[in-house]
Amino acid sequence: MNENQKIQIQSATFERLLNHLDERKDVQNIDLMNLANFCRNCLSRWYREEAEKKGVTISDPEARKHIYGMPYSEWKDKYQK
């Protein structure tokens, strides 16, 4: 596997994880934190931090929107218990 293939596979895997989390809105962030020691908010922070390493500035709300598929406040209102 060359580096480009590795990046494409990692990207597809990450998108698959986001789709899985989107399909499982019933799983609360606190559940993820308790079981896996990370949550959607962690993913959004990691996303923002990795963008910064590449010289791309992304705000916290923009990163959360990418992870949640909608503005975080909207997701909270609809799905957070």
PDB file of N, CA and C in Angstrom:
ATOM      1  N   MET A   1       0.844  -1.164   0.000  1.00  0.00           N
ATOM      2  CA  MET A   1       0.000   0.000   0.000  1.00  0.00           C
ATOM      3  C   MET A   1       0.897   1.238   0.000  1.00  0.00           C
ATOM      4  N   ASN A   2       0.598   2.151  -0.920  1.00  0.00           N
ATOM      5  CA  ASN A   2       1.385   3.383  -0.938  1.00  0.00           C
ATOM      6  C   ASN A   2       0.726   4.430  -0.021  1.00  0.00           C
ATOM      7  N   GLU A   3       1.405   5.541   0.160  1.00  0.00           N
ATOM      8  CA  GLU A   3       0.934   6.567   1.098  1.00  0.00           C
ATOM      9  C   GLU A   3      -0.422   7.140   0.684  1.00  0.00           C
ATOM     10  N   ASN A   4      -0.635   7.358  -0.601  1.00  0.00           N
ATOM     11  CA  ASN A   4      -1.913   7.899  -1.073  1.00  0.00           C
ATOM     12  C   ASN A   4      -3.052   6.921  -0.785  1.00  0.00           C
ATOM     13  N   GLN A   5      -2.823   5.645  -1.021  1.00  0.00           N
ATOM     14  CA  GLN A   5      -3.843   4.640  -0.723  1.00  0.00           C
ATOM     15  C   GLN A   5      -4.149   4.608   0.772  1.00  0.00           C
ATOM     16  N   LYS A   6      -3.111   4.682   1.575  1.00  0.00           N
ATOM     17  CA  LYS A   6      -3.281   4.687   3.034  1.00  0.00           C
ATOM     18  C   LYS A   6      -4.159   5.863   3.457  1.00  0.00           C
ATOM     19  N   ILE A   7      -3.891   7.048   2.936  1.00  0.00           N
ATOM     20  CA  ILE A   7      -4.668   8.246   3.281  1.00  0.00           C
ATOM     21  C   ILE A   7      -6.118   8.089   2.815  1.00  0.00           C
ATOM     22  N   GLN A   8      -6.322   7.553   1.622  1.00  0.00           N
ATOM     23  CA  GLN A   8      -7.679   7.349   1.112  1.00  0.00           C
ATOM     24  C   GLN A   8      -8.455   6.358   1.984  1.00  0.00           C
ATOM     25  N   ILE A   9      -7.799   5.298   2.399  1.00  0.00           N
ATOM     26  CA  ILE A   9      -8.440   4.297   3.257  1.00  0.00           C
ATOM     27  C   ILE A   9      -8.761   4.894   4.618  1.00  0.00           C
ATOM     28  N   GLN A  10      -7.817   5.638   5.187  1.00  0.00           N
ATOM     29  CA  GLN A  10      -8.064   6.269   6.481  1.00  0.00           C
ATOM     30  C   GLN A  10      -9.215   7.263   6.393  1.00  0.00           C
ATOM     31  N   SER A  11      -9.262   8.028   5.323  1.00  0.00           N
ATOM     32  CA  SER A  11     -10.335   9.001   5.123  1.00  0.00           C
ATOM     33  C   SER A  11     -11.685   8.294   5.009  1.00  0.00           C
ATOM     34  N   ALA A  12     -11.738   7.242   4.227  1.00  0.00           N
ATOM     35  CA  ALA A  12     -12.985   6.494   4.063  1.00  0.00           C
ATOM     36  C   ALA A  12     -13.427   5.866   5.381  1.00  0.00           C
ATOM     37  N   THR A  13     -12.469   5.380   6.148  1.00  0.00           N
ATOM     38  CA  THR A  13     -12.774   4.787   7.448  1.00  0.00           C
ATOM     39  C   THR A  13     -13.337   5.831   8.399  1.00  0.00           C
ATOM     40  N   PHE A  14     -12.741   7.020   8.402  1.00  0.00           N
ATOM     41  CA  PHE A  14     -13.225   8.108   9.245  1.00  0.00           C
ATOM     42  C   PHE A  14     -14.645   8.508   8.843  1.00  0.00           C
ATOM     43  N   GLU A  15     -14.904   8.628   7.552  1.00  0.00           N
ATOM     44  CA  GLU A  15     -16.250   8.967   7.081  1.00  0.00           C
ATOM     45  C   GLU A  15     -17.243   7.872   7.466  1.00  0.00           C
ATOM     46  N   ARG A  16     -16.806   6.634   7.422  1.00  0.00           N
ATOM     47  CA  ARG A  16     -17.670   5.526   7.835  1.00  0.00           C
ATOM     48  C   ARG A  16     -17.990   5.622   9.323  1.00  0.00           C
ATOM     49  N   LEU A  17     -17.021   5.976  10.144  1.00  0.00           N
ATOM     50  CA  LEU A  17     -17.255   6.187  11.573  1.00  0.00           C
ATOM     51  C   LEU A  17     -18.266   7.311  11.783  1.00  0.00           C
ATOM     52  N   LEU A  18     -18.112   8.421  11.064  1.00  0.00           N
ATOM     53  CA  LEU A  18     -19.055   9.532  11.200  1.00  0.00           C
ATOM     54  C   LEU A  18     -20.461   9.098  10.793  1.00  0.00           C
ATOM     55  N   ASN A  19     -20.580   8.331   9.709  1.00  0.00           N
ATOM     56  CA  ASN A  19     -21.888   7.839   9.281  1.00  0.00           C
ATOM     57  C   ASN A  19     -22.495   6.914  10.326  1.00  0.00           C
ATOM     58  N   HIS A  20     -21.669   6.069  10.917  1.00  0.00           N
ATOM     59  CA  HIS A  20     -22.145   5.161  11.961  1.00  0.00           C
ATOM     60  C   HIS A  20     -22.668   5.959  13.157  1.00  0.00           C
ATOM     61  N   LEU A  21     -21.909   6.953  13.590  1.00  0.00           N
ATOM     62  CA  LEU A  21     -22.357   7.775  14.715  1.00  0.00           C
ATOM     63  C   LEU A  21     -23.623   8.546  14.360  1.00  0.00           C
ATOM     64  N   ASP A  22     -23.724   8.982  13.113  1.00  0.00           N
ATOM     65  CA  ASP A  22     -24.923   9.698  12.675  1.00  0.00           C
ATOM     66  C   ASP A  22     -26.147   8.783  12.713  1.00  0.00           C
ATOM     67  N   GLU A  23     -25.959   7.530  12.369  1.00  0.00           N
ATOM     68  CA  GLU A  23     -27.064   6.572  12.405  1.00  0.00           C
ATOM     69  C   GLU A  23     -27.432   6.169  13.831  1.00  0.00           C
ATOM     70  N   ARG A  24     -26.532   6.407  14.779  1.00  0.00           N
ATOM     71  CA  ARG A  24     -26.753   6.015  16.174  1.00  0.00           C
ATOM     72  C   ARG A  24     -26.843   7.241  17.079  1.00  0.00           C
ATOM     73  N   LYS A  25     -27.739   8.139  16.721  1.00  0.00           N
ATOM     74  CA  LYS A  25     -27.930   9.338  17.535  1.00  0.00           C
ATOM     75  C   LYS A  25     -28.429   8.989  18.933  1.00  0.00           C
ATOM     76  N   ASP A  26     -28.970   7.789  19.095  1.00  0.00           N
ATOM     77  CA  ASP A  26     -29.421   7.353  20.413  1.00  0.00           C
ATOM     78  C   ASP A  26     -28.256   7.143  21.377  1.00  0.00           C
ATOM     79  N   VAL A  27     -27.071   6.942  20.840  1.00  0.00           N
ATOM     80  CA  VAL A  27     -25.886   6.777  21.694  1.00  0.00           C
ATOM     81  C   VAL A  27     -25.410   8.167  22.092  1.00  0.00           C
ATOM     82  N   GLN A  28     -25.507   8.446  23.365  1.00  0.00           N
ATOM     83  CA  GLN A  28     -25.161   9.753  23.889  1.00  0.00           C
ATOM     84  C   GLN A  28     -23.645   9.885  24.054  1.00  0.00           C
ATOM     85  N   ASN A  29     -23.162  11.124  24.016  1.00  0.00           N
ATOM     86  CA  ASN A  29     -21.732  11.371  24.201  1.00  0.00           C
ATOM     87  C   ASN A  29     -21.231  10.821  25.532  1.00  0.00           C
ATOM     88  N   ILE A  30     -22.032  10.946  26.568  1.00  0.00           N
ATOM     89  CA  ILE A  30     -21.603  10.443  27.881  1.00  0.00           C
ATOM     90  C   ILE A  30     -21.422   8.924  27.834  1.00  0.00           C
ATOM     91  N   ASP A  31     -22.262   8.241  27.059  1.00  0.00           N
ATOM     92  CA  ASP A  31     -22.109   6.789  26.895  1.00  0.00           C
ATOM     93  C   ASP A  31     -20.779   6.469  26.218  1.00  0.00           C
ATOM     94  N   LEU A  32     -20.484   7.217  25.152  1.00  0.00           N
ATOM     95  CA  LEU A  32     -19.207   7.013  24.459  1.00  0.00           C
ATOM     96  C   LEU A  32     -18.033   7.277  25.392  1.00  0.00           C
ATOM     97  N   MET A  33     -18.122   8.359  26.159  1.00  0.00           N
ATOM     98  CA  MET A  33     -17.024   8.696  27.080  1.00  0.00           C
ATOM     99  C   MET A  33     -16.825   7.592  28.114  1.00  0.00           C
ATOM    100  N   ASN A  34     -17.919   7.100  28.671  1.00  0.00           N
ATOM    101  CA  ASN A  34     -17.824   6.062  29.697  1.00  0.00           C
ATOM    102  C   ASN A  34     -17.267   4.756  29.157  1.00  0.00           C
ATOM    103  N   LEU A  35     -17.630   4.418  27.916  1.00  0.00           N
ATOM    104  CA  LEU A  35     -17.208   3.136  27.355  1.00  0.00           C
ATOM    105  C   LEU A  35     -15.902   3.198  26.575  1.00  0.00           C
ATOM    106  N   ALA A  36     -15.692   4.297  25.856  1.00  0.00           N
ATOM    107  CA  ALA A  36     -14.551   4.344  24.938  1.00  0.00           C
ATOM    108  C   ALA A  36     -13.564   5.464  25.247  1.00  0.00           C
ATOM    109  N   ASN A  37     -13.896   6.317  26.201  1.00  0.00           N
ATOM    110  CA  ASN A  37     -13.031   7.425  26.610  1.00  0.00           C
ATOM    111  C   ASN A  37     -12.839   8.452  25.488  1.00  0.00           C
ATOM    112  N   PHE A  38     -13.825   8.562  24.596  1.00  0.00           N
ATOM    113  CA  PHE A  38     -13.875   9.635  23.608  1.00  0.00           C
ATOM    114  C   PHE A  38     -15.328   9.791  23.192  1.00  0.00           C
ATOM    115  N   CYS A  39     -15.644  10.939  22.607  1.00  0.00           N
ATOM    116  CA  CYS A  39     -17.011  11.184  22.150  1.00  0.00           C
ATOM    117  C   CYS A  39     -16.969  12.029  20.874  1.00  0.00           C
ATOM    118  N   ARG A  40     -18.125  12.434  20.419  1.00  0.00           N
ATOM    119  CA  ARG A  40     -18.207  13.246  19.211  1.00  0.00           C
ATOM    120  C   ARG A  40     -17.459  14.566  19.388  1.00  0.00           C
ATOM    121  N   ASN A  41     -17.548  15.144  20.578  1.00  0.00           N
ATOM    122  CA  ASN A  41     -16.824  16.397  20.838  1.00  0.00           C
ATOM    123  C   ASN A  41     -15.319  16.197  20.757  1.00  0.00           C
ATOM    124  N   CYS A  42     -14.839  15.058  21.234  1.00  0.00           N
ATOM    125  CA  CYS A  42     -13.413  14.740  21.111  1.00  0.00           C
ATOM    126  C   CYS A  42     -13.026  14.666  19.638  1.00  0.00           C
ATOM    127  N   LEU A  43     -13.851  13.980  18.846  1.00  0.00           N
ATOM    128  CA  LEU A  43     -13.568  13.867  17.413  1.00  0.00           C
ATOM    129  C   LEU A  43     -13.510  15.232  16.757  1.00  0.00           C
ATOM    130  N   SER A  44     -14.412  16.122  17.135  1.00  0.00           N
ATOM    131  CA  SER A  44     -14.403  17.457  16.522  1.00  0.00           C
ATOM    132  C   SER A  44     -13.153  18.231  16.933  1.00  0.00           C
ATOM    133  N   ARG A  45     -12.725  18.068  18.168  1.00  0.00           N
ATOM    134  CA  ARG A  45     -11.492  18.732  18.618  1.00  0.00           C
ATOM    135  C   ARG A  45     -10.287  18.171  17.881  1.00  0.00           C
ATOM    136  N   TRP A  46     -10.221  16.847  17.743  1.00  0.00           N
ATOM    137  CA  TRP A  46      -9.119  16.216  17.017  1.00  0.00           C
ATOM    138  C   TRP A  46      -9.109  16.680  15.569  1.00  0.00           C
ATOM    139  N   TYR A  47     -10.277  16.794  14.975  1.00  0.00           N
ATOM    140  CA  TYR A  47     -10.402  17.257  13.587  1.00  0.00           C
ATOM    141  C   TYR A  47      -9.826  18.663  13.445  1.00  0.00           C
ATOM    142  N   ARG A  48     -10.220  19.543  14.366  1.00  0.00           N
ATOM    143  CA  ARG A  48      -9.720  20.924  14.349  1.00  0.00           C
ATOM    144  C   ARG A  48      -8.209  20.957  14.568  1.00  0.00           C
ATOM    145  N   GLU A  49      -7.717  20.192  15.512  1.00  0.00           N
ATOM    146  CA  GLU A  49      -6.282  20.171  15.806  1.00  0.00           C
ATOM    147  C   GLU A  49      -5.469  19.653  14.621  1.00  0.00           C
ATOM    148  N   GLU A  50      -5.946  18.614  13.956  1.00  0.00           N
ATOM    149  CA  GLU A  50      -5.233  18.080  12.792  1.00  0.00           C
ATOM    150  C   GLU A  50      -5.274  19.067  11.630  1.00  0.00           C
ATOM    151  N   ALA A  51      -6.378  19.777  11.477  1.00  0.00           N
ATOM    152  CA  ALA A  51      -6.451  20.816  10.446  1.00  0.00           C
ATOM    153  C   ALA A  51      -5.407  21.894  10.723  1.00  0.00           C
ATOM    154  N   GLU A  52      -5.301  22.308  11.976  1.00  0.00           N
ATOM    155  CA  GLU A  52      -4.320  23.336  12.349  1.00  0.00           C
ATOM    156  C   GLU A  52      -2.896  22.884  12.036  1.00  0.00           C
ATOM    157  N   LYS A  53      -2.608  21.608  12.253  1.00  0.00           N
ATOM    158  CA  LYS A  53      -1.275  21.088  11.931  1.00  0.00           C
ATOM    159  C   LYS A  53      -0.969  21.213  10.441  1.00  0.00           C
ATOM    160  N   LYS A  54      -2.028  21.211   9.628  1.00  0.00           N
ATOM    161  CA  LYS A  54      -1.868  21.332   8.172  1.00  0.00           C
ATOM    162  C   LYS A  54      -1.999  22.780   7.717  1.00  0.00           C
ATOM    163  N   GLY A  55      -2.081  23.714   8.675  1.00  0.00           N
ATOM    164  CA  GLY A  55      -2.181  25.132   8.336  1.00  0.00           C
ATOM    165  C   GLY A  55      -3.578  25.585   7.955  1.00  0.00           C
ATOM    166  N   VAL A  56      -4.585  24.780   8.298  1.00  0.00           N
ATOM    167  CA  VAL A  56      -5.975  25.112   7.996  1.00  0.00           C
ATOM    168  C   VAL A  56      -6.667  25.510   9.298  1.00  0.00           C
ATOM    169  N   THR A  57      -7.260  26.705   9.296  1.00  0.00           N
ATOM    170  CA  THR A  57      -7.956  27.181  10.480  1.00  0.00           C
ATOM    171  C   THR A  57      -9.428  26.812  10.390  1.00  0.00           C
ATOM    172  N   ILE A  58      -9.886  26.076  11.388  1.00  0.00           N
ATOM    173  CA  ILE A  58     -11.291  25.690  11.490  1.00  0.00           C
ATOM    174  C   ILE A  58     -11.746  26.047  12.903  1.00  0.00           C
ATOM    175  N   SER A  59     -12.872  26.704  13.003  1.00  0.00           N
ATOM    176  CA  SER A  59     -13.402  27.053  14.321  1.00  0.00           C
ATOM    177  C   SER A  59     -13.999  25.810  14.984  1.00  0.00           C
ATOM    178  N   ASP A  60     -14.170  25.882  16.299  1.00  0.00           N
ATOM    179  CA  ASP A  60     -14.819  24.777  17.002  1.00  0.00           C
ATOM    180  C   ASP A  60     -16.217  24.505  16.453  1.00  0.00           C
ATOM    181  N   PRO A  61     -17.044  25.536  16.245  1.00  0.00           N
ATOM    182  CA  PRO A  61     -18.376  25.268  15.680  1.00  0.00           C
ATOM    183  C   PRO A  61     -18.323  24.619  14.290  1.00  0.00           C
ATOM    184  N   GLU A  62     -17.370  25.018  13.455  1.00  0.00           N
ATOM    185  CA  GLU A  62     -17.234  24.400  12.128  1.00  0.00           C
ATOM    186  C   GLU A  62     -16.830  22.931  12.248  1.00  0.00           C
ATOM    187  N   ALA A  63     -15.902  22.648  13.136  1.00  0.00           N
ATOM    188  CA  ALA A  63     -15.457  21.265  13.333  1.00  0.00           C
ATOM    189  C   ALA A  63     -16.600  20.410  13.866  1.00  0.00           C
ATOM    190  N   ARG A  64     -17.346  20.949  14.824  1.00  0.00           N
ATOM    191  CA  ARG A  64     -18.477  20.190  15.370  1.00  0.00           C
ATOM    192  C   ARG A  64     -19.540  19.954  14.304  1.00  0.00           C
ATOM    193  N   LYS A  65     -19.774  20.939  13.445  1.00  0.00           N
ATOM    194  CA  LYS A  65     -20.762  20.774  12.384  1.00  0.00           C
ATOM    195  C   LYS A  65     -20.346  19.636  11.452  1.00  0.00           C
ATOM    196  N   HIS A  66     -19.055  19.525  11.190  1.00  0.00           N
ATOM    197  CA  HIS A  66     -18.567  18.432  10.336  1.00  0.00           C
ATOM    198  C   HIS A  66     -18.812  17.080  11.008  1.00  0.00           C
ATOM    199  N   ILE A  67     -18.551  16.985  12.292  1.00  0.00           N
ATOM    200  CA  ILE A  67     -18.697  15.722  13.006  1.00  0.00           C
ATOM    201  C   ILE A  67     -20.166  15.369  13.228  1.00  0.00           C
ATOM    202  N   TYR A  68     -20.957  16.354  13.625  1.00  0.00           N
ATOM    203  CA  TYR A  68     -22.368  16.110  13.949  1.00  0.00           C
ATOM    204  C   TYR A  68     -23.279  16.117  12.715  1.00  0.00           C
ATOM    205  N   GLY A  69     -22.813  16.674  11.612  1.00  0.00           N
ATOM    206  CA  GLY A  69     -23.638  16.751  10.420  1.00  0.00           C
ATOM    207  C   GLY A  69     -24.658  17.874  10.460  1.00  0.00           C
ATOM    208  N   MET A  70     -24.548  18.721  11.455  1.00  0.00           N
ATOM    209  CA  MET A  70     -25.435  19.872  11.646  1.00  0.00           C
ATOM    210  C   MET A  70     -24.823  20.723  12.744  1.00  0.00           C
ATOM    211  N   PRO A  71     -25.285  21.941  12.914  1.00  0.00           N
ATOM    212  CA  PRO A  71     -24.768  22.737  14.030  1.00  0.00           C
ATOM    213  C   PRO A  71     -24.972  21.991  15.354  1.00  0.00           C
ATOM    214  N   TYR A  72     -23.997  22.095  16.222  1.00  0.00           N
ATOM    215  CA  TYR A  72     -24.029  21.372  17.492  1.00  0.00           C
ATOM    216  C   TYR A  72     -25.263  21.722  18.309  1.00  0.00           C
ATOM    217  N   SER A  73     -25.628  22.989  18.343  1.00  0.00           N
ATOM    218  CA  SER A  73     -26.800  23.402  19.132  1.00  0.00           C
ATOM    219  C   SER A  73     -28.065  22.707  18.624  1.00  0.00           C
ATOM    220  N   GLU A  74     -28.168  22.545  17.311  1.00  0.00           N
ATOM    221  CA  GLU A  74     -29.320  21.855  16.723  1.00  0.00           C
ATOM    222  C   GLU A  74     -29.310  20.381  17.129  1.00  0.00           C
ATOM    223  N   TRP A  75     -28.144  19.746  17.057  1.00  0.00           N
ATOM    224  CA  TRP A  75     -28.028  18.337  17.438  1.00  0.00           C
ATOM    225  C   TRP A  75     -28.418  18.154  18.899  1.00  0.00           C
ATOM    226  N   LYS A  76     -27.914  19.046  19.757  1.00  0.00           N
ATOM    227  CA  LYS A  76     -28.241  18.961  21.185  1.00  0.00           C
ATOM    228  C   LYS A  76     -29.742  19.044  21.407  1.00  0.00           C
ATOM    229  N   ASP A  77     -30.384  20.000  20.763  1.00  0.00           N
ATOM    230  CA  ASP A  77     -31.829  20.177  20.929  1.00  0.00           C
ATOM    231  C   ASP A  77     -32.612  18.956  20.467  1.00  0.00           C
ATOM    232  N   LYS A  78     -32.170  18.334  19.390  1.00  0.00           N
ATOM    233  CA  LYS A  78     -32.899  17.207  18.814  1.00  0.00           C
ATOM    234  C   LYS A  78     -32.610  15.872  19.496  1.00  0.00           C
ATOM    235  N   TYR A  79     -31.349  15.651  19.890  1.00  0.00           N
ATOM    236  CA  TYR A  79     -30.942  14.292  20.256  1.00  0.00           C
ATOM    237  C   TYR A  79     -30.362  14.122  21.649  1.00  0.00           C
ATOM    238  N   GLN A  80     -29.902  15.168  22.282  1.00  0.00           N
ATOM    239  CA  GLN A  80     -29.280  14.986  23.596  1.00  0.00           C
ATOM    240  C   GLN A  80     -30.349  14.789  24.638  1.00  0.00           C
ATOM    241  N   LYS A  81     -30.160  13.764  25.444  1.00  0.00           N
ATOM    242  CA  LYS A  81     -31.137  13.436  26.514  1.00  0.00           C
ATOM    243  C   LYS A  81     -30.683  13.989  27.840  1.00  0.00           C
TER     244      LYS A  81
END
